[in-house]
């Protein structure tokens, strides 16, 4: 859930972890509106979510992680749940 107090300091970047997990649809819409508004103000909004449809609908870029590493980045022209899962489940290369 977003904490309004974090916005009082006028941050340049906002990290939001699982912003809509466990809340009803109407509240999700309000959170999405807030996030879009912050981005339009020029703020960097980093959303961490396990909800693939949420990522596909909200993000300008999606970085997929797996094994503690960033395995790849997608832009809207490459968005699909399959592409995200392919990157997220890609085996990390062993360190040599």
C-alpha atoms as a PDB file:
ATOM      1  CA  UNK A   1       0.000   0.000   0.000  1.00  0.00           C
ATOM      2  CA  UNK A   2       1.220   3.477  -0.748  1.00  0.00           C
ATOM      3  CA  UNK A   3       2.056   5.624   2.236  1.00  0.00           C
ATOM      4  CA  UNK A   4       1.159   9.275   1.638  1.00  0.00           C
ATOM      5  CA  UNK A   5       3.927  10.364   4.015  1.00  0.00           C
ATOM      6  CA  UNK A   6       6.585   9.216   1.542  1.00  0.00           C
ATOM      7  CA  UNK A   7       5.255  11.745  -0.984  1.00  0.00           C
ATOM      8  CA  UNK A   8       5.638  14.713   1.399  1.00  0.00           C
ATOM      9  CA  UNK A   9       9.367  14.937   0.696  1.00  0.00           C
ATOM     10  CA  UNK A  10       8.788  15.270  -3.074  1.00  0.00           C
ATOM     11  CA  UNK A  11      11.050  12.345  -4.051  1.00  0.00           C
ATOM     12  CA  UNK A  12      12.469  12.020  -7.573  1.00  0.00           C
ATOM     13  CA  UNK A  13      12.015   8.222  -7.497  1.00  0.00           C
ATOM     14  CA  UNK A  14       9.388   6.079  -5.856  1.00  0.00           C
ATOM     15  CA  UNK A  15       9.746   2.330  -5.358  1.00  0.00           C
ATOM     16  CA  UNK A  16       6.426   0.530  -4.969  1.00  0.00           C
ATOM     17  CA  UNK A  17       6.415  -3.155  -4.028  1.00  0.00           C
ATOM     18  CA  UNK A  18       3.260  -5.176  -4.860  1.00  0.00           C
ATOM     19  CA  UNK A  19       1.059  -2.051  -4.797  1.00  0.00           C
ATOM     20  CA  UNK A  20      -2.265  -3.801  -5.378  1.00  0.00           C
ATOM     21  CA  UNK A  21      -1.856  -7.200  -3.734  1.00  0.00           C
ATOM     22  CA  UNK A  22      -4.937  -8.120  -1.749  1.00  0.00           C
ATOM     23  CA  UNK A  23      -7.026  -5.029  -2.426  1.00  0.00           C
ATOM     24  CA  UNK A  24     -10.317  -4.620  -4.258  1.00  0.00           C
ATOM     25  CA  UNK A  25     -10.628  -3.490  -7.867  1.00  0.00           C
ATOM     26  CA  UNK A  26     -11.767   0.068  -7.120  1.00  0.00           C
ATOM     27  CA  UNK A  27      -8.769   0.710  -4.883  1.00  0.00           C
ATOM     28  CA  UNK A  28      -6.445  -0.733  -7.555  1.00  0.00           C
ATOM     29  CA  UNK A  29      -7.747   1.833 -10.013  1.00  0.00           C
ATOM     30  CA  UNK A  30      -7.002   4.673  -7.569  1.00  0.00           C
ATOM     31  CA  UNK A  31      -3.459   3.399  -7.009  1.00  0.00           C
ATOM     32  CA  UNK A  32      -2.902   3.141 -10.764  1.00  0.00           C
ATOM     33  CA  UNK A  33      -4.132   6.742 -11.192  1.00  0.00           C
ATOM     34  CA  UNK A  34      -1.726   7.926  -8.499  1.00  0.00           C
ATOM     35  CA  UNK A  35       1.211   6.101 -10.098  1.00  0.00           C
ATOM     36  CA  UNK A  36       0.398   7.481 -13.552  1.00  0.00           C
ATOM     37  CA  UNK A  37       0.095  10.981 -12.093  1.00  0.00           C
ATOM     38  CA  UNK A  38       3.504  10.699 -10.430  1.00  0.00           C
ATOM     39  CA  UNK A  39       5.078   9.540 -13.690  1.00  0.00           C
ATOM     40  CA  UNK A  40       3.469  12.437 -15.575  1.00  0.00           C
ATOM     41  CA  UNK A  41       5.017  14.806 -13.023  1.00  0.00           C
ATOM     42  CA  UNK A  42       8.408  13.444 -14.101  1.00  0.00           C
ATOM     43  CA  UNK A  43       8.985  11.185 -11.121  1.00  0.00           C
ATOM     44  CA  UNK A  44      10.601   7.810 -11.606  1.00  0.00           C
ATOM     45  CA  UNK A  45       8.181   5.093 -10.537  1.00  0.00           C
ATOM     46  CA  UNK A  46       9.625   1.619 -10.013  1.00  0.00           C
ATOM     47  CA  UNK A  47       6.907  -0.972  -9.504  1.00  0.00           C
ATOM     48  CA  UNK A  48       7.713  -4.465  -8.281  1.00  0.00           C
ATOM     49  CA  UNK A  49       4.868  -6.874  -8.957  1.00  0.00           C
ATOM     50  CA  UNK A  50       4.207 -10.555  -9.433  1.00  0.00           C
ATOM     51  CA  UNK A  51       0.958  -9.718 -11.240  1.00  0.00           C
ATOM     52  CA  UNK A  52       1.878 -10.009 -14.929  1.00  0.00           C
ATOM     53  CA  UNK A  53      -1.280  -8.293 -16.295  1.00  0.00           C
ATOM     54  CA  UNK A  54      -0.574  -5.380 -13.964  1.00  0.00           C
ATOM     55  CA  UNK A  55       2.967  -5.049 -15.300  1.00  0.00           C
ATOM     56  CA  UNK A  56       1.816  -5.292 -18.921  1.00  0.00           C
ATOM     57  CA  UNK A  57      -0.770  -2.562 -18.386  1.00  0.00           C
ATOM     58  CA  UNK A  58       1.308  -0.118 -16.352  1.00  0.00           C
ATOM     59  CA  UNK A  59       4.951  -0.268 -17.384  1.00  0.00           C
ATOM     60  CA  UNK A  60       7.054   1.535 -19.989  1.00  0.00           C
ATOM     61  CA  UNK A  61       9.789  -1.057 -19.450  1.00  0.00           C
ATOM     62  CA  UNK A  62       9.838  -4.407 -17.710  1.00  0.00           C
ATOM     63  CA  UNK A  63      13.006  -5.847 -16.210  1.00  0.00           C
ATOM     64  CA  UNK A  64      12.720  -9.544 -15.422  1.00  0.00           C
ATOM     65  CA  UNK A  65      14.788 -11.020 -12.619  1.00  0.00           C
ATOM     66  CA  UNK A  66      15.667 -14.576 -11.732  1.00  0.00           C
ATOM     67  CA  UNK A  67      18.364 -16.106  -9.590  1.00  0.00           C
ATOM     68  CA  UNK A  68      19.111 -12.716  -8.025  1.00  0.00           C
ATOM     69  CA  UNK A  69      20.025 -11.165 -11.388  1.00  0.00           C
ATOM     70  CA  UNK A  70      18.386  -9.042 -14.046  1.00  0.00           C
ATOM     71  CA  UNK A  71      17.902 -11.488 -16.904  1.00  0.00           C
ATOM     72  CA  UNK A  72      16.548  -9.044 -19.446  1.00  0.00           C
ATOM     73  CA  UNK A  73      14.474  -6.006 -20.295  1.00  0.00           C
ATOM     74  CA  UNK A  74      11.343  -5.734 -22.410  1.00  0.00           C
ATOM     75  CA  UNK A  75       9.736  -2.728 -24.057  1.00  0.00           C
ATOM     76  CA  UNK A  76       6.051  -2.592 -25.013  1.00  0.00           C
ATOM     77  CA  UNK A  77       6.645  -4.016 -28.492  1.00  0.00           C
ATOM     78  CA  UNK A  78       8.000  -7.215 -26.882  1.00  0.00           C
ATOM     79  CA  UNK A  79       5.492  -7.473 -24.036  1.00  0.00           C
ATOM     80  CA  UNK A  80       3.809 -10.791 -23.395  1.00  0.00           C
ATOM     81  CA  UNK A  81       3.388 -12.950 -20.341  1.00  0.00           C
ATOM     82  CA  UNK A  82       5.374 -15.632 -22.135  1.00  0.00           C
ATOM     83  CA  UNK A  83       8.348 -13.314 -22.758  1.00  0.00           C
ATOM     84  CA  UNK A  84       8.374 -12.167 -19.136  1.00  0.00           C
ATOM     85  CA  UNK A  85       8.286 -15.728 -17.845  1.00  0.00           C
ATOM     86  CA  UNK A  86      10.978 -16.812 -20.306  1.00  0.00           C
ATOM     87  CA  UNK A  87      13.301 -14.133 -18.930  1.00  0.00           C
ATOM     88  CA  UNK A  88      12.348 -14.680 -15.286  1.00  0.00           C
ATOM     89  CA  UNK A  89      13.012 -18.415 -15.481  1.00  0.00           C
ATOM     90  CA  UNK A  90      16.196 -18.182 -17.536  1.00  0.00           C
ATOM     91  CA  UNK A  91      19.015 -19.914 -15.700  1.00  0.00           C
ATOM     92  CA  UNK A  92      21.643 -17.577 -14.394  1.00  0.00           C
ATOM     93  CA  UNK A  93      25.026 -18.192 -15.953  1.00  0.00           C
ATOM     94  CA  UNK A  94      27.554 -19.659 -13.531  1.00  0.00           C
ATOM     95  CA  UNK A  95      30.290 -17.284 -12.397  1.00  0.00           C
ATOM     96  CA  UNK A  96      33.650 -18.378 -13.818  1.00  0.00           C
END
